Amino acid sequence: MNQAIQFPDRETWDAQQQAVIFPVQINGMGMNCAISQEALRARFGEGEAMALFVAHRWDLEDEAETLIRDDRIDNQGWLWLP
Protein backbone atom coordinates (compact mmCIF):
# COMPACT_ATOMS: atom_id res chain seq x y z
CA MET A 1 0.00 0.00 0.00
CA ASN A 2 1.50 3.33 -1.06
CA GLN A 3 0.52 5.94 1.51
CA ALA A 4 1.84 9.44 2.07
CA ILE A 5 2.41 9.55 5.83
CA GLN A 6 3.51 12.76 7.56
CA PHE A 7 3.95 13.61 11.24
CA PRO A 8 3.57 17.32 12.00
CA ASP A 9 5.45 18.57 15.07
CA ARG A 10 2.32 19.17 17.17
CA GLU A 11 2.55 16.64 19.97
CA THR A 12 0.64 17.36 23.17
CA TRP A 13 0.42 15.92 26.66
CA ASP A 14 -3.00 14.52 27.58
CA ALA A 15 -3.21 14.44 31.38
CA GLN A 16 -6.45 12.49 31.40
CA GLN A 17 -5.01 9.65 29.31
CA GLN A 18 -1.49 10.05 30.73
CA ALA A 19 -0.14 9.92 27.18
CA VAL A 20 1.63 11.93 24.53
CA ILE A 21 -0.70 12.46 21.58
CA PHE A 22 0.86 13.17 18.20
CA PRO A 23 -1.00 13.76 14.95
CA VAL A 24 -0.38 12.03 11.65
CA GLN A 25 -1.57 12.88 8.15
CA ILE A 26 -2.24 9.87 5.91
CA ASN A 27 -2.91 10.95 2.33
CA GLY A 28 -4.19 14.24 3.74
CA MET A 29 -6.51 12.63 6.30
CA GLY A 30 -5.73 13.37 9.93
CA MET A 31 -5.71 10.94 12.82
CA ASN A 32 -4.08 10.65 16.22
CA CYS A 33 -1.27 8.47 17.44
CA ALA A 34 -0.46 8.09 21.10
CA ILE A 35 1.98 6.52 23.50
CA SER A 36 1.40 6.29 27.22
CA GLN A 37 3.76 7.73 29.79
CA GLU A 38 4.15 4.21 31.17
CA ALA A 39 5.25 2.88 27.76
CA LEU A 40 7.71 5.76 27.29
CA ARG A 41 9.30 5.11 30.68
CA ALA A 42 9.41 1.34 30.11
CA ARG A 43 11.26 1.90 26.84
CA PHE A 44 13.50 4.85 27.63
CA GLY A 45 13.80 5.11 31.42
CA GLU A 46 12.62 7.69 33.90
CA GLY A 47 11.88 11.18 32.75
CA GLU A 48 9.16 13.60 31.78
CA ALA A 49 6.94 12.10 29.07
CA MET A 50 7.17 14.98 26.59
CA ALA A 51 10.97 15.12 26.91
CA LEU A 52 11.23 11.35 26.35
CA PHE A 53 8.96 11.62 23.32
CA VAL A 54 10.96 14.49 21.78
CA ALA A 55 14.27 12.70 22.41
CA HIS A 56 13.03 9.56 20.62
CA ARG A 57 10.64 11.15 18.12
CA TRP A 58 12.20 9.64 14.97
CA ASP A 59 12.12 6.08 16.28
CA LEU A 60 8.54 6.45 17.54
CA GLU A 61 7.37 7.95 14.24
CA ASP A 62 9.07 5.12 12.32
CA GLU A 63 7.30 2.59 14.52
CA ALA A 64 3.97 4.38 14.10
CA GLU A 65 4.43 4.41 10.31
CA THR A 66 5.01 0.64 10.32
CA LEU A 67 1.89 0.08 12.46
CA ILE A 68 -0.16 2.33 10.15
CA ARG A 69 0.98 0.33 7.12
CA ASP A 70 0.00 -2.85 9.03
CA ASP A 71 -3.45 -1.31 9.67
CA ARG A 72 -3.11 -1.40 13.48
CA ILE A 73 -5.52 1.52 13.95
CA ASP A 74 -8.12 0.86 16.67
CA ASN A 75 -11.88 1.08 16.23
CA GLN A 76 -11.81 4.68 17.50
CA GLY A 77 -9.46 5.70 14.69
CA TRP A 78 -6.40 5.96 16.96
CA LEU A 79 -3.02 4.30 16.77
CA TRP A 80 -1.57 3.45 20.20
CA LEU A 81 2.10 2.52 20.29
CA PRO A 82 2.63 -0.47 22.59
PDB file of N, CA and C in Angstrom:
ATOM      1  N   MET A   1       0.847  -1.169   0.000  1.00  0.00           N
ATOM      2  CA  MET A   1       0.000   0.000   0.000  1.00  0.00           C
ATOM      3  C   MET A   1       0.895   1.236   0.000  1.00  0.00           C
ATOM      4  N   ASN A   2       0.714   2.124  -0.944  1.00  0.00           N
ATOM      5  CA  ASN A   2       1.503   3.329  -1.058  1.00  0.00           C
ATOM      6  C   ASN A   2       0.747   4.481  -0.404  1.00  0.00           C
ATOM      7  N   GLN A   3       1.183   4.875   0.773  1.00  0.00           N
ATOM      8  CA  GLN A   3       0.525   5.942   1.508  1.00  0.00           C
ATOM      9  C   GLN A   3       1.521   7.050   1.784  1.00  0.00           C
ATOM     10  N   ALA A   4       1.040   8.295   1.669  1.00  0.00           N
ATOM     11  CA  ALA A   4       1.840   9.438   2.072  1.00  0.00           C
ATOM     12  C   ALA A   4       1.559   9.662   3.559  1.00  0.00           C
ATOM     13  N   ILE A   5       2.567   9.453   4.383  1.00  0.00           N
ATOM     14  CA  ILE A   5       2.413   9.551   5.826  1.00  0.00           C
ATOM     15  C   ILE A   5       3.334  10.657   6.331  1.00  0.00           C
ATOM     16  N   GLN A   6       2.738  11.637   7.033  1.00  0.00           N
ATOM     17  CA  GLN A   6       3.510  12.757   7.565  1.00  0.00           C
ATOM     18  C   GLN A   6       3.141  12.981   9.028  1.00  0.00           C
ATOM     19  N   PHE A   7       4.146  13.333   9.818  1.00  0.00           N
ATOM     20  CA  PHE A   7       3.953  13.606  11.239  1.00  0.00           C
ATOM     21  C   PHE A   7       4.286  15.070  11.513  1.00  0.00           C
ATOM     22  N   PRO A   8       3.275  15.933  11.632  1.00  0.00           N
ATOM     23  CA  PRO A   8       3.570  17.323  11.997  1.00  0.00           C
ATOM     24  C   PRO A   8       4.083  17.407  13.436  1.00  0.00           C
ATOM     25  N   ASP A   9       4.891  18.398  13.729  1.00  0.00           N
ATOM     26  CA  ASP A   9       5.449  18.570  15.068  1.00  0.00           C
ATOM     27  C   ASP A   9       4.436  19.285  15.964  1.00  0.00           C
ATOM     28  N   ARG A  10       3.365  18.577  16.326  1.00  0.00           N
ATOM     29  CA  ARG A  10       2.324  19.171  17.170  1.00  0.00           C
ATOM     30  C   ARG A  10       1.903  18.201  18.276  1.00  0.00           C
ATOM     31  N   GLU A  11       2.863  17.568  18.899  1.00  0.00           N
ATOM     32  CA  GLU A  11       2.549  16.638  19.971  1.00  0.00           C
ATOM     33  C   GLU A  11       2.053  17.410  21.195  1.00  0.00           C
ATOM     34  N   THR A  12       1.181  16.761  21.956  1.00  0.00           N
ATOM     35  CA  THR A  12       0.641  17.361  23.169  1.00  0.00           C
ATOM     36  C   THR A  12       0.597  16.314  24.271  1.00  0.00           C
ATOM     37  N   TRP A  13       0.568  16.789  25.503  1.00  0.00           N
ATOM     38  CA  TRP A  13       0.419  15.922  26.658  1.00  0.00           C
ATOM     39  C   TRP A  13      -1.049  15.880  27.018  1.00  0.00           C
ATOM     40  N   ASP A  14      -1.611  14.690  27.159  1.00  0.00           N
ATOM     41  CA  ASP A  14      -2.997  14.515  27.579  1.00  0.00           C
ATOM     42  C   ASP A  14      -2.975  13.960  29.002  1.00  0.00           C
ATOM     43  N   ALA A  15      -3.272  14.838  29.963  1.00  0.00           N
ATOM     44  CA  ALA A  15      -3.205  14.445  31.377  1.00  0.00           C
ATOM     45  C   ALA A  15      -4.239  13.385  31.719  1.00  0.00           C
ATOM     46  N   GLN A  16      -5.400  13.461  31.098  1.00  0.00           N
ATOM     47  CA  GLN A  16      -6.446  12.486  31.399  1.00  0.00           C
ATOM     48  C   GLN A  16      -6.029  11.080  30.984  1.00  0.00           C
ATOM     49  N   GLN A  17      -5.432  10.964  29.809  1.00  0.00           N
ATOM     50  CA  GLN A  17      -5.011   9.646  29.314  1.00  0.00           C
ATOM     51  C   GLN A  17      -3.586   9.297  29.723  1.00  0.00           C
ATOM     52  N   GLN A  18      -2.877  10.253  30.343  1.00  0.00           N
ATOM     53  CA  GLN A  18      -1.485  10.055  30.730  1.00  0.00           C
ATOM     54  C   GLN A  18      -0.669   9.565  29.531  1.00  0.00           C
ATOM     55  N   ALA A  19      -0.793  10.321  28.424  1.00  0.00           N
ATOM     56  CA  ALA A  19      -0.141   9.916  27.178  1.00  0.00           C
ATOM     57  C   ALA A  19       0.258  11.136  26.359  1.00  0.00           C
ATOM     58  N   VAL A  20       1.269  10.938  25.530  1.00  0.00           N
ATOM     59  CA  VAL A  20       1.633  11.934  24.531  1.00  0.00           C
ATOM     60  C   VAL A  20       0.822  11.606  23.287  1.00  0.00           C
ATOM     61  N   ILE A  21       0.108  12.604  22.787  1.00  0.00           N
ATOM     62  CA  ILE A  21      -0.704  12.464  21.585  1.00  0.00           C
ATOM     63  C   ILE A  21       0.034  13.186  20.466  1.00  0.00           C
ATOM     64  N   PHE A  22       0.197  12.520  19.325  1.00  0.00           N
ATOM     65  CA  PHE A  22       0.858  13.174  18.199  1.00  0.00           C
ATOM     66  C   PHE A  22       0.082  12.871  16.923  1.00  0.00           C
ATOM     67  N   PRO A  23      -0.172  13.928  16.140  1.00  0.00           N
ATOM     68  CA  PRO A  23      -0.996  13.763  14.945  1.00  0.00           C
ATOM     69  C   PRO A  23      -0.207  13.152  13.797  1.00  0.00           C
ATOM     70  N   VAL A  24      -0.953  12.552  12.887  1.00  0.00           N
ATOM     71  CA  VAL A  24      -0.380  12.030  11.651  1.00  0.00           C
ATOM     72  C   VAL A  24      -1.346  12.362  10.513  1.00  0.00           C
ATOM     73  N   GLN A  25      -0.793  12.659   9.362  1.00  0.00           N
ATOM     74  CA  GLN A  25      -1.568  12.876   8.146  1.00  0.00           C
ATOM     75  C   GLN A  25      -1.286  11.696   7.215  1.00  0.00           C
ATOM     76  N   ILE A  26      -2.360  11.010   6.821  1.00  0.00           N
ATOM     77  CA  ILE A  26      -2.239   9.874   5.905  1.00  0.00           C
ATOM     78  C   ILE A  26      -3.013  10.235   4.655  1.00  0.00           C
ATOM     79  N   ASN A  27      -2.284  10.488   3.576  1.00  0.00           N
ATOM     80  CA  ASN A  27      -2.907  10.946   2.329  1.00  0.00           C
ATOM     81  C   ASN A  27      -3.845  12.118   2.585  1.00  0.00           C
ATOM     82  N   GLY A  28      -3.422  13.042   3.448  1.00  0.00           N
ATOM     83  CA  GLY A  28      -4.186  14.238   3.743  1.00  0.00           C
ATOM     84  C   GLY A  28      -5.246  14.081   4.822  1.00  0.00           C
ATOM     85  N   MET A  29      -5.525  12.870   5.255  1.00  0.00           N
ATOM     86  CA  MET A  29      -6.514  12.625   6.303  1.00  0.00           C
ATOM     87  C   MET A  29      -5.796  12.595   7.648  1.00  0.00           C
ATOM     88  N   GLY A  30      -6.353  13.306   8.621  1.00  0.00           N
ATOM     89  CA  GLY A  30      -5.728  13.375   9.928  1.00  0.00           C
ATOM     90  C   GLY A  30      -6.235  12.306  10.875  1.00  0.00           C
ATOM     91  N   MET A  31      -5.351  11.843  11.725  1.00  0.00           N
ATOM     92  CA  MET A  31      -5.707  10.945  12.818  1.00  0.00           C
ATOM     93  C   MET A  31      -4.701  11.137  13.937  1.00  0.00           C
ATOM     94  N   ASN A  32      -4.958  10.510  15.061  1.00  0.00           N
ATOM     95  CA  ASN A  32      -4.077  10.649  16.217  1.00  0.00           C
ATOM     96  C   ASN A  32      -3.331   9.364  16.510  1.00  0.00           C
ATOM     97  N   CYS A  33      -2.093   9.550  16.900  1.00  0.00           N
ATOM     98  CA  CYS A  33      -1.272   8.474  17.436  1.00  0.00           C
ATOM     99  C   CYS A  33      -1.001   8.837  18.894  1.00  0.00           C
ATOM    100  N   ALA A  34      -0.720   7.836  19.699  1.00  0.00           N
ATOM    101  CA  ALA A  34      -0.455   8.093  21.104  1.00  0.00           C
ATOM    102  C   ALA A  34       0.476   7.038  21.676  1.00  0.00           C
ATOM    103  N   ILE A  35       1.182   7.449  22.720  1.00  0.00           N
ATOM    104  CA  ILE A  35       1.982   6.518  23.501  1.00  0.00           C
ATOM    105  C   ILE A  35       1.858   6.944  24.957  1.00  0.00           C
ATOM    106  N   SER A  36       1.610   5.984  25.810  1.00  0.00           N
ATOM    107  CA  SER A  36       1.398   6.287  27.218  1.00  0.00           C
ATOM    108  C   SER A  36       2.720   6.649  27.900  1.00  0.00           C
ATOM    109  N   GLN A  37       2.591   7.389  28.976  1.00  0.00           N
ATOM    110  CA  GLN A  37       3.755   7.728  29.789  1.00  0.00           C
ATOM    111  C   GLN A  37       4.427   6.453  30.295  1.00  0.00           C
ATOM    112  N   GLU A  38       3.628   5.485  30.682  1.00  0.00           N
ATOM    113  CA  GLU A  38       4.151   4.211  31.167  1.00  0.00           C
ATOM    114  C   GLU A  38       4.999   3.519  30.090  1.00  0.00           C
ATOM    115  N   ALA A  39       4.506   3.504  28.860  1.00  0.00           N
ATOM    116  CA  ALA A  39       5.254   2.879  27.763  1.00  0.00           C
ATOM    117  C   ALA A  39       6.548   3.636  27.479  1.00  0.00           C
ATOM    118  N   LEU A  40       6.495   4.966  27.513  1.00  0.00           N
ATOM    119  CA  LEU A  40       7.707   5.759  27.289  1.00  0.00           C
ATOM    120  C   LEU A  40       8.759   5.445  28.346  1.00  0.00           C
ATOM    121  N   ARG A  41       8.342   5.380  29.599  1.00  0.00           N
ATOM    122  CA  ARG A  41       9.298   5.106  30.679  1.00  0.00           C
ATOM    123  C   ARG A  41       9.814   3.674  30.618  1.00  0.00           C
ATOM    124  N   ALA A  42       8.966   2.730  30.239  1.00  0.00           N
ATOM    125  CA  ALA A  42       9.415   1.339  30.110  1.00  0.00           C
ATOM    126  C   ALA A  42      10.470   1.214  29.018  1.00  0.00           C
ATOM    127  N   ARG A  43      10.315   1.975  27.958  1.00  0.00           N
ATOM    128  CA  ARG A  43      11.260   1.896  26.837  1.00  0.00           C
ATOM    129  C   ARG A  43      12.539   2.683  27.079  1.00  0.00           C
ATOM    130  N   PHE A  44      12.383   3.903  27.626  1.00  0.00           N
ATOM    131  CA  PHE A  44      13.497   4.852  27.628  1.00  0.00           C
ATOM    132  C   PHE A  44      13.978   5.281  29.005  1.00  0.00           C
ATOM    133  N   GLY A  45      13.373   4.765  30.069  1.00  0.00           N
ATOM    134  CA  GLY A  45      13.799   5.111  31.420  1.00  0.00           C
ATOM    135  C   GLY A  45      12.998   6.263  31.998  1.00  0.00           C
ATOM    136  N   GLU A  46      13.346   6.625  33.204  1.00  0.00           N
ATOM    137  CA  GLU A  46      12.619   7.690  33.902  1.00  0.00           C
ATOM    138  C   GLU A  46      12.817   9.023  33.194  1.00  0.00           C
ATOM    139  N   GLY A  47      11.805   9.851  33.330  1.00  0.00           N
ATOM    140  CA  GLY A  47      11.875  11.183  32.751  1.00  0.00           C
ATOM    141  C   GLY A  47      10.486  11.696  32.462  1.00  0.00           C
ATOM    142  N   GLU A  48      10.418  12.957  32.116  1.00  0.00           N
ATOM    143  CA  GLU A  48       9.158  13.604  31.782  1.00  0.00           C
ATOM    144  C   GLU A  48       8.720  13.095  30.397  1.00  0.00           C
ATOM    145  N   ALA A  49       7.449  12.763  30.274  1.00  0.00           N
ATOM    146  CA  ALA A  49       6.941  12.098  29.068  1.00  0.00           C
ATOM    147  C   ALA A  49       7.216  12.891  27.792  1.00  0.00           C
ATOM    148  N   MET A  50       6.954  14.188  27.810  1.00  0.00           N
ATOM    149  CA  MET A  50       7.174  14.983  26.591  1.00  0.00           C
ATOM    150  C   MET A  50       8.652  15.002  26.212  1.00  0.00           C
ATOM    151  N   ALA A  51       9.537  15.112  27.195  1.00  0.00           N
ATOM    152  CA  ALA A  51      10.970  15.118  26.914  1.00  0.00           C
ATOM    153  C   ALA A  51      11.410  13.775  26.340  1.00  0.00           C
ATOM    154  N   LEU A  52      10.903  12.675  26.889  1.00  0.00           N
ATOM    155  CA  LEU A  52      11.229  11.352  26.355  1.00  0.00           C
ATOM    156  C   LEU A  52      10.732  11.214  24.923  1.00  0.00           C
ATOM    157  N   PHE A  53       9.508  11.700  24.667  1.00  0.00           N
ATOM    158  CA  PHE A  53       8.964  11.622  23.315  1.00  0.00           C
ATOM    159  C   PHE A  53       9.843  12.407  22.337  1.00  0.00           C
ATOM    160  N   VAL A  54      10.162  13.647  22.682  1.00  0.00           N
ATOM    161  CA  VAL A  54      10.961  14.492  21.784  1.00  0.00           C
ATOM    162  C   VAL A  54      12.328  13.862  21.526  1.00  0.00           C
ATOM    163  N   ALA A  55      12.941  13.307  22.562  1.00  0.00           N
ATOM    164  CA  ALA A  55      14.266  12.698  22.412  1.00  0.00           C
ATOM    165  C   ALA A  55      14.250  11.479  21.491  1.00  0.00           C
ATOM    166  N   HIS A  56      13.111  10.812  21.401  1.00  0.00           N
ATOM    167  CA  HIS A  56      13.025   9.564  20.621  1.00  0.00           C
ATOM    168  C   HIS A  56      11.989   9.664  19.493  1.00  0.00           C
ATOM    169  N   ARG A  57      11.675  10.890  19.116  1.00  0.00           N
ATOM    170  CA  ARG A  57      10.641  11.145  18.117  1.00  0.00           C
ATOM    171  C   ARG A  57      10.821  10.316  16.851  1.00  0.00           C
ATOM    172  N   TRP A  58      12.005  10.299  16.272  1.00  0.00           N
ATOM    173  CA  TRP A  58      12.200   9.641  14.975  1.00  0.00           C
ATOM    174  C   TRP A  58      11.908   8.151  15.065  1.00  0.00           C
ATOM    175  N   ASP A  59      12.376   7.512  16.113  1.00  0.00           N
ATOM    176  CA  ASP A  59      12.121   6.076  16.283  1.00  0.00           C
ATOM    177  C   ASP A  59      10.633   5.805  16.485  1.00  0.00           C
ATOM    178  N   LEU A  60       9.978   6.637  17.282  1.00  0.00           N
ATOM    179  CA  LEU A  60       8.545   6.450  17.539  1.00  0.00           C
ATOM    180  C   LEU A  60       7.721   6.690  16.281  1.00  0.00           C
ATOM    181  N   GLU A  61       8.083   7.698  15.495  1.00  0.00           N
ATOM    182  CA  GLU A  61       7.371   7.947  14.244  1.00  0.00           C
ATOM    183  C   GLU A  61       7.597   6.814  13.248  1.00  0.00           C
ATOM    184  N   ASP A  62       8.811   6.271  13.194  1.00  0.00           N
ATOM    185  CA  ASP A  62       9.072   5.121  12.320  1.00  0.00           C
ATOM    186  C   ASP A  62       8.212   3.928  12.727  1.00  0.00           C
ATOM    187  N   GLU A  63       8.120   3.688  14.029  1.00  0.00           N
ATOM    188  CA  GLU A  63       7.299   2.586  14.521  1.00  0.00           C
ATOM    189  C   GLU A  63       5.830   2.822  14.198  1.00  0.00           C
ATOM    190  N   ALA A  64       5.367   4.051  14.402  1.00  0.00           N
ATOM    191  CA  ALA A  64       3.972   4.379  14.095  1.00  0.00           C
ATOM    192  C   ALA A  64       3.690   4.180  12.606  1.00  0.00           C
ATOM    193  N   GLU A  65       4.618   4.583  11.756  1.00  0.00           N
ATOM    194  CA  GLU A  65       4.435   4.407  10.313  1.00  0.00           C
ATOM    195  C   GLU A  65       4.287   2.927   9.961  1.00  0.00           C
ATOM    196  N   THR A  66       5.109   2.078  10.558  1.00  0.00           N
ATOM    197  CA  THR A  66       5.007   0.640  10.321  1.00  0.00           C
ATOM    198  C   THR A  66       3.649   0.115  10.771  1.00  0.00           C
ATOM    199  N   LEU A  67       3.190   0.535  11.953  1.00  0.00           N
ATOM    200  CA  LEU A  67       1.894   0.082  12.456  1.00  0.00           C
ATOM    201  C   LEU A  67       0.740   0.586  11.592  1.00  0.00           C
ATOM    202  N   ILE A  68       0.860   1.796  11.062  1.00  0.00           N
ATOM    203  CA  ILE A  68      -0.163   2.327  10.150  1.00  0.00           C
ATOM    204  C   ILE A  68      -0.216   1.462   8.892  1.00  0.00           C
ATOM    205  N   ARG A  69       0.932   1.168   8.338  1.00  0.00           N
ATOM    206  CA  ARG A  69       0.977   0.332   7.124  1.00  0.00           C
ATOM    207  C   ARG A  69       0.420  -1.067   7.390  1.00  0.00           C
ATOM    208  N   ASP A  70       0.545  -1.544   8.635  1.00  0.00           N
ATOM    209  CA  ASP A  70      -0.001  -2.852   9.025  1.00  0.00           C
ATOM    210  C   ASP A  70      -1.459  -2.754   9.473  1.00  0.00           C
ATOM    211  N   ASP A  71      -2.043  -1.563   9.334  1.00  0.00           N
ATOM    212  CA  ASP A  71      -3.452  -1.311   9.672  1.00  0.00           C
ATOM    213  C   ASP A  71      -3.766  -1.650  11.125  1.00  0.00           C
ATOM    214  N   ARG A  72      -2.943  -1.148  12.038  1.00  0.00           N
ATOM    215  CA  ARG A  72      -3.112  -1.405  13.476  1.00  0.00           C
ATOM    216  C   ARG A  72      -3.896  -0.286  14.164  1.00  0.00           C
ATOM    217  N   ILE A  73      -4.710   0.430  13.417  1.00  0.00           N
ATOM    218  CA  ILE A  73      -5.521   1.517  13.951  1.00  0.00           C
ATOM    219  C   ILE A  73      -6.717   0.916  14.679  1.00  0.00           C
ATOM    220  N   ASP A  74      -7.021   1.439  15.885  1.00  0.00           N
ATOM    221  CA  ASP A  74      -8.117   0.862  16.670  1.00  0.00           C
ATOM    222  C   ASP A  74      -9.487   1.305  16.134  1.00  0.00           C
ATOM    223  N   ASN A  75     -10.537   0.789  16.730  1.00  0.00           N
ATOM    224  CA  ASN A  75     -11.885   1.080  16.229  1.00  0.00           C
ATOM    225  C   ASN A  75     -12.325   2.514  16.504  1.00  0.00           C
ATOM    226  N   GLN A  76     -11.543   3.263  17.269  1.00  0.00           N
ATOM    227  CA  GLN A  76     -11.808   4.680  17.504  1.00  0.00           C
ATOM    228  C   GLN A  76     -11.033   5.561  16.529  1.00  0.00           C
ATOM    229  N   GLY A  77     -10.248   4.945  15.652  1.00  0.00           N
ATOM    230  CA  GLY A  77      -9.455   5.696  14.694  1.00  0.00           C
ATOM    231  C   GLY A  77      -8.139   6.196  15.250  1.00  0.00           C
ATOM    232  N   TRP A  78      -7.657   5.585  16.328  1.00  0.00           N
ATOM    233  CA  TRP A  78      -6.400   5.956  16.958  1.00  0.00           C
ATOM    234  C   TRP A  78      -5.376   4.852  16.763  1.00  0.00           C
ATOM    235  N   LEU A  79      -4.128   5.242  16.780  1.00  0.00           N
ATOM    236  CA  LEU A  79      -3.019   4.297  16.775  1.00  0.00           C
ATOM    237  C   LEU A  79      -2.263   4.469  18.089  1.00  0.00           C
ATOM    238  N   TRP A  80      -2.284   3.450  18.929  1.00  0.00           N
ATOM    239  CA  TRP A  80      -1.569   3.450  20.203  1.00  0.00           C
ATOM    240  C   TRP A  80      -0.303   2.627  20.046  1.00  0.00           C
ATOM    241  N   LEU A  81       0.842   3.262  20.307  1.00  0.00           N
ATOM    242  CA  LEU A  81       2.098   2.522  20.288  1.00  0.00           C
ATOM    243  C   LEU A  81       2.169   1.675  21.563  1.00  0.00           C
ATOM    244  N   PRO A  82       2.557   0.418  21.409  1.00  0.00           N
ATOM    245  CA  PRO A  82       2.635  -0.470  22.590  1.00  0.00           C
ATOM    246  C   PRO A  82       3.842  -0.138  23.453  1.00  0.00           C
TER     247      PRO A  82
END
